[in-house]
Protein backbone atom coordinates (compact mmCIF):
# COMPACT_ATOMS: atom_id res chain seq x y z
CA MET A 1 -55.11 -11.27 8.40
CA ASN A 2 -58.28 -9.85 8.89
CA GLY A 3 -61.39 -9.60 11.32
CA ALA A 4 -61.72 -12.77 12.71
CA SER A 5 -58.61 -14.07 11.76
CA ARG A 6 -56.49 -11.47 13.76
CA GLU A 7 -58.30 -12.11 16.58
CA ALA A 8 -57.97 -16.23 16.14
CA LEU A 9 -54.01 -15.57 16.07
CA ALA A 10 -53.79 -13.24 18.67
CA ALA A 11 -55.54 -16.04 21.20
CA ALA A 12 -53.18 -18.84 19.56
CA ARG A 13 -50.00 -16.67 20.40
CA GLU A 14 -51.28 -15.77 24.05
CA ARG A 15 -51.98 -19.47 24.34
CA LEU A 16 -48.26 -20.31 22.78
CA ASP A 17 -46.88 -18.05 25.49
CA THR A 18 -48.68 -19.62 28.28
CA LEU A 19 -47.51 -22.82 27.33
CA THR A 20 -43.75 -21.86 26.45
CA ASP A 21 -43.47 -19.92 29.97
CA SER A 22 -43.97 -23.77 31.25
CA THR A 23 -40.63 -25.21 31.96
CA SER A 24 -42.46 -28.80 31.08
CA VAL A 25 -42.51 -27.61 27.51
CA ASP A 26 -40.02 -27.63 25.37
CA ALA A 27 -40.02 -24.84 22.68
CA VAL A 28 -37.95 -26.36 19.91
CA THR A 29 -40.05 -29.62 19.87
CA LEU A 30 -42.93 -27.58 20.01
CA ALA A 31 -41.85 -25.72 17.00
CA ASP A 32 -41.09 -28.85 15.24
CA GLU A 33 -44.56 -30.06 15.75
CA LEU A 34 -45.89 -27.16 14.67
CA ALA A 35 -44.15 -26.88 11.47
CA ALA A 36 -45.07 -30.46 10.51
CA VAL A 37 -48.88 -29.67 11.16
CA THR A 38 -48.17 -26.37 9.05
CA ALA A 39 -46.98 -28.38 6.04
CA LEU A 40 -49.75 -31.18 6.51
CA LEU A 41 -52.24 -28.25 6.06
CA ASP A 42 -50.46 -26.68 3.18
CA ARG A 43 -50.58 -29.68 1.47
CA GLU A 44 -53.88 -30.98 2.16
CA ALA A 45 -56.39 -28.40 0.75
CA GLY A 46 -59.34 -30.44 1.89
CA LEU A 47 -58.42 -30.89 5.42
CA ARG A 48 -57.80 -27.75 5.51
CA ARG A 49 -61.20 -26.41 4.38
CA VAL A 50 -62.67 -28.98 7.01
CA VAL A 51 -60.83 -27.80 10.32
CA THR A 52 -61.82 -24.00 9.15
CA ASP A 53 -65.39 -24.57 7.85
CA PRO A 54 -67.24 -22.30 9.66
CA ALA A 55 -70.45 -24.13 9.14
CA GLN A 56 -69.04 -26.88 11.18
CA SER A 57 -69.05 -26.63 15.01
CA GLY A 58 -66.05 -25.44 17.01
CA GLU A 59 -66.14 -28.59 19.21
CA ALA A 60 -66.48 -31.08 16.04
CA LYS A 61 -63.28 -29.56 14.39
CA ALA A 62 -61.33 -29.59 17.33
CA GLU A 63 -61.88 -33.26 18.20
CA LEU A 64 -61.22 -34.10 14.52
CA VAL A 65 -57.70 -32.40 14.99
CA GLN A 66 -57.24 -34.61 18.21
CA ARG A 67 -58.19 -37.74 16.30
CA LEU A 68 -55.68 -36.70 13.48
CA LEU A 69 -52.78 -35.71 15.35
CA GLY A 70 -52.88 -37.11 18.52
CA ALA A 71 -50.76 -39.99 17.72
CA GLN A 72 -48.56 -37.82 15.49
CA VAL A 73 -47.51 -34.93 17.63
CA SER A 74 -47.32 -34.48 21.62
CA GLY A 75 -50.28 -33.48 23.52
CA THR A 76 -49.48 -29.88 24.30
CA ALA A 77 -49.16 -29.30 20.23
CA ALA A 78 -52.43 -31.03 19.54
CA ASP A 79 -54.04 -29.36 22.19
CA LEU A 80 -52.99 -25.81 20.39
CA VAL A 81 -54.16 -26.83 17.22
CA ALA A 82 -57.62 -27.92 18.32
CA GLY A 83 -58.29 -24.68 20.08
CA MET A 84 -56.96 -22.82 16.88
CA ALA A 85 -59.47 -25.14 14.65
CA ARG A 86 -62.38 -24.06 17.53
CA ALA A 87 -61.91 -20.32 16.36
CA ARG A 88 -63.34 -18.55 13.04
CA TRP A 89 -61.03 -17.98 10.47
CA SER A 90 -61.47 -15.43 7.72
CA GLN A 91 -59.81 -17.63 5.21
CA PRO A 92 -58.70 -21.40 5.39
CA ARG A 93 -55.03 -20.39 4.57
CA ASP A 94 -55.28 -17.88 7.37
CA LEU A 95 -55.02 -20.67 9.91
CA VAL A 96 -52.09 -22.21 8.38
CA ASP A 97 -50.23 -18.89 8.36
CA ALA A 98 -50.89 -18.89 11.94
CA LEU A 99 -49.68 -22.32 12.49
CA GLU A 100 -46.15 -21.45 10.62
CA GLU A 101 -46.12 -18.25 13.00
CA LEU A 102 -46.49 -19.90 15.77
CA ALA A 103 -43.59 -22.68 15.17
CA ASP A 104 -41.48 -19.55 14.34
CA ILE A 105 -42.19 -17.59 17.52
CA ALA A 106 -41.78 -21.31 19.58
CA ASP A 107 -38.03 -21.24 18.15
CA LEU A 108 -37.56 -17.71 18.87
CA THR A 109 -38.82 -18.28 22.26
CA ALA A 110 -36.25 -21.02 22.33
CA ALA A 111 -33.68 -18.50 21.94
CA GLU A 112 -34.86 -16.15 24.37
CA LYS A 113 -34.87 -18.16 27.19
CA ARG A 114 -31.15 -19.00 26.36
CA GLY A 115 -30.10 -15.80 26.14
CA THR A 116 -29.51 -15.89 22.48
CA LEU A 117 -32.36 -13.68 21.01
CA ASP A 118 -30.28 -10.99 20.12
CA GLU A 119 -27.65 -12.62 18.30
CA VAL A 120 -30.13 -14.77 16.36
CA GLU A 121 -32.01 -11.36 14.95
CA ASP A 122 -28.72 -9.98 14.31
CA GLU A 123 -27.83 -13.07 12.24
CA LEU A 124 -31.03 -13.39 10.59
CA PHE A 125 -30.38 -9.68 9.30
CA ARG A 126 -26.97 -10.73 8.26
CA PHE A 127 -27.79 -13.81 6.32
CA GLY A 128 -30.27 -11.35 4.57
CA ARG A 129 -27.49 -9.17 3.57
CA ILE A 130 -25.27 -12.05 2.55
CA VAL A 131 -28.14 -13.45 0.33
CA SER A 132 -28.64 -10.03 -1.55
CA SER A 133 -25.42 -9.88 -2.33
CA SER A 134 -24.62 -12.92 -4.05
CA THR A 135 -26.77 -13.87 -6.77
CA GLU A 136 -25.34 -17.51 -6.78
CA LEU A 137 -26.64 -18.25 -3.41
CA ARG A 138 -30.19 -16.70 -3.88
CA ALA A 139 -30.59 -18.83 -6.80
CA ALA A 140 -29.14 -22.16 -5.27
CA LEU A 141 -31.93 -21.35 -2.27
CA THR A 142 -34.50 -20.55 -4.31
CA ASP A 143 -34.39 -22.76 -6.85
CA ARG A 144 -37.68 -24.62 -7.09
CA SER A 145 -36.18 -27.87 -8.86
CA ALA A 146 -33.73 -28.44 -6.57
CA ASP A 147 -34.02 -31.29 -3.86
CA GLY A 148 -35.12 -30.14 -0.10
CA ARG A 149 -31.87 -31.91 1.06
CA ALA A 150 -29.47 -30.28 -1.04
CA LYS A 151 -30.62 -26.60 0.18
CA THR A 152 -30.32 -28.26 3.81
CA GLU A 153 -27.29 -29.32 3.34
CA LEU A 154 -25.87 -26.17 1.60
CA LEU A 155 -27.43 -23.92 5.01
CA HIS A 156 -26.01 -26.29 7.13
CA ARG A 157 -22.41 -25.94 5.71
CA LEU A 158 -23.01 -22.15 5.57
CA LEU A 159 -24.50 -21.63 9.26
CA GLY A 160 -23.50 -24.73 11.01
CA GLY A 161 -21.38 -23.72 13.98
CA ARG A 162 -21.39 -19.97 12.64
CA ALA A 163 -24.95 -19.35 13.75
CA LYS A 164 -26.96 -19.70 16.82
CA PRO A 165 -29.09 -22.72 16.54
CA ALA A 166 -32.61 -21.00 15.98
CA THR A 167 -31.07 -18.83 13.46
CA GLU A 168 -30.16 -22.25 11.28
CA ARG A 169 -33.39 -24.16 12.23
CA LEU A 170 -35.41 -20.50 11.09
CA VAL A 171 -33.69 -20.04 7.59
CA VAL A 172 -33.54 -23.85 6.99
CA ARG A 173 -37.62 -23.97 7.55
CA LEU A 174 -37.90 -20.70 5.07
CA VAL A 175 -35.81 -21.96 2.35
CA THR A 176 -37.31 -25.51 2.06
CA ALA A 177 -41.02 -24.40 3.06
CA PRO A 178 -41.05 -21.12 1.57
CA ARG A 179 -45.01 -21.14 1.18
CA GLY A 180 -45.23 -18.83 -1.99
CA ARG A 181 -42.89 -16.18 -0.14
CA SER A 182 -39.80 -14.18 -1.62
CA LEU A 183 -36.64 -15.52 0.65
CA GLU A 184 -36.20 -11.77 1.25
CA ALA A 185 -39.91 -11.46 2.65
CA GLY A 186 -39.21 -14.35 4.93
CA LEU A 187 -36.30 -13.13 6.60
CA GLU A 188 -37.65 -9.55 7.24
CA SER A 189 -40.98 -11.34 8.76
CA LEU A 190 -38.45 -13.34 10.84
CA SER A 191 -37.02 -10.63 11.86
CA LYS A 192 -39.93 -8.87 12.59
CA LEU A 193 -41.06 -11.79 14.90
CA ALA A 194 -37.87 -11.21 16.92
CA ALA A 195 -38.17 -8.09 17.51
CA GLU A 196 -41.52 -8.36 19.01
CA ARG A 197 -40.38 -10.80 21.36
CA ARG A 198 -38.45 -7.86 23.21
CA ASP A 199 -41.60 -5.60 22.02
CA ARG A 200 -39.05 -3.56 20.06
CA VAL A 201 -39.08 -2.02 16.43
CA VAL A 202 -36.63 -2.92 13.85
CA ALA A 203 -34.69 -0.10 12.52
CA VAL A 204 -32.70 -0.62 9.17
CA VAL A 205 -29.69 1.72 9.62
CA THR A 206 -27.31 2.32 6.36
CA SER A 207 -24.10 4.14 6.95
CA ALA A 208 -21.07 5.24 4.75
CA VAL A 209 -18.98 3.95 7.70
CA PRO A 210 -19.72 1.76 10.39
CA LEU A 211 -20.86 3.60 13.64
CA SER A 212 -19.35 3.96 17.03
CA ASP A 213 -20.64 1.95 20.09
CA THR A 214 -21.70 5.63 21.23
CA GLN A 215 -23.14 6.32 18.12
CA LYS A 216 -25.62 3.42 17.99
CA GLN A 217 -26.74 4.10 21.58
CA ARG A 218 -27.35 7.81 20.64
CA LEU A 219 -29.09 6.45 17.73
CA GLY A 220 -31.12 3.78 19.37
CA ALA A 221 -32.31 6.50 22.13
CA ALA A 222 -33.25 9.07 19.60
CA LEU A 223 -35.41 6.77 17.34
CA GLY A 224 -37.15 5.02 20.60
CA LYS A 225 -37.88 8.54 21.71
CA LEU A 226 -39.50 9.32 18.44
CA TYR A 227 -41.20 6.03 18.01
CA GLY A 228 -42.28 5.85 21.84
CA ARG A 229 -40.72 2.02 21.44
CA ARG A 230 -37.48 0.03 22.16
CA MET A 231 -35.88 0.04 18.94
CA HIS A 232 -33.60 -2.75 17.82
CA LEU A 233 -30.89 -1.42 14.73
CA ASN A 234 -30.24 -3.84 12.31
CA LEU A 235 -26.91 -2.21 10.72
CA ASP A 236 -25.82 -2.02 7.37
CA VAL A 237 -22.06 -0.24 5.52
CA ASP A 238 -22.79 1.09 2.04
CA PRO A 239 -19.67 3.22 0.73
CA ASP A 240 -22.48 4.98 -1.70
CA VAL A 241 -24.05 6.57 1.38
CA VAL A 242 -21.81 9.35 0.90
CA GLY A 243 -22.27 11.48 4.28
CA GLY A 244 -24.91 11.02 7.30
CA MET A 245 -26.94 7.90 7.19
CA ARG A 246 -30.41 6.20 6.11
CA VAL A 247 -32.77 4.87 8.75
CA GLN A 248 -35.84 2.78 7.31
CA VAL A 249 -38.36 1.63 10.05
CA GLY A 250 -41.18 -0.07 8.54
CA ASP A 251 -42.29 1.68 5.24
CA GLU A 252 -41.13 4.87 6.65
CA VAL A 253 -37.62 6.15 5.51
CA ILE A 254 -35.82 8.93 7.66
CA ASN A 255 -33.30 9.92 5.22
CA GLY A 256 -30.30 12.16 6.42
CA SER A 257 -27.28 10.95 3.76
CA LEU A 258 -25.44 13.62 1.92
CA ALA A 259 -25.75 11.42 -0.93
CA ASP A 260 -29.91 11.76 -1.02
CA ARG A 261 -29.69 15.27 -0.35
CA LEU A 262 -27.62 15.72 -3.49
CA ASP A 263 -29.77 13.93 -5.15
CA GLU A 264 -32.72 16.22 -4.02
CA ALA A 265 -31.22 18.99 -4.89
CA ALA A 266 -29.97 17.73 -8.50
CA ARG A 267 -33.79 16.88 -9.08
CA ARG A 268 -34.93 20.53 -7.56
CA MET A 269 -32.46 22.37 -10.24
CA ALA A 270 -33.85 20.26 -13.05
CA SER A 271 -37.24 21.33 -12.31
C-alpha cells in the first residue's frame, strides 16, 4: 500500500487494537464479521468503488456503510468499517486488503488472549512446510475448480484437534478465499502478522539437524542483538545443509552452511 492507504490502515489497526482490548468485544466474532465484509466488497466492485470514492464526503460513505451493514453485523464491526470508509484510500482494493488483514489480526488477537499465539505461529509455519513438501495436498488446496466446502472439510480432517482453533480458522479462510494470493504467500503473510503481535521479527532457520534448546536461545539472542528486535525462530531441518545453518530474515539471507560455502568455493574455482 502507498501513501493514504498506509495511513488509513495504520489508523484502522489502532482502532481494532482498542476494540479488542475491551473484554466486551469477542475478537473471534469480529474476525468473522470483518471476513464477511471483505468477501462482500471483494465480490461487489461497484460498491467497493463507491465506499472509496474520494469525490464523496467521508460522512456520506460512512452512512452508506452503516445502512448496508447495520443489520448484517454487530455495531462494533459496522462502526469499524464505517470509520475506514471515512478515510482516504489510494486504490479501492486497498480497503478490501485492509479489511482482510484486520480479520486475520482479530483472530491472532484472540489467540494471544488465550496464551496460544506462539503455538499458532509455529503451526502456521509447519503447515506451510507440509504443503510445500506435498504436491498432492497443495494441488487439492489450490484447485480453483474444487468446491470450497470440500477444501474446508479436508482442512478440518488435517487440522481438527491437531492445531489451535485460530490456526485452523486462518488457514481455512486463506484456502477458501485466497483473493489472488498463492498459498505460500498467504501463509507467510499470516506468520508475519503473528510475529508483529509480539513485536518480533521472524527468522527462518534451516539446519542439517535439529537445534538444541541452548542453541535456539543463543541464536535468538544473537539475531535479536543484530536486528534490534525480538526474534521468533521458525525452525526447519534439511539434511542437504551439510554443516552450520541458513538463516533468512525477510529478504536477507545469512548463510553459514558448509554446503553453501563449498558451492561458493566451486564457483570461484570455475571463474
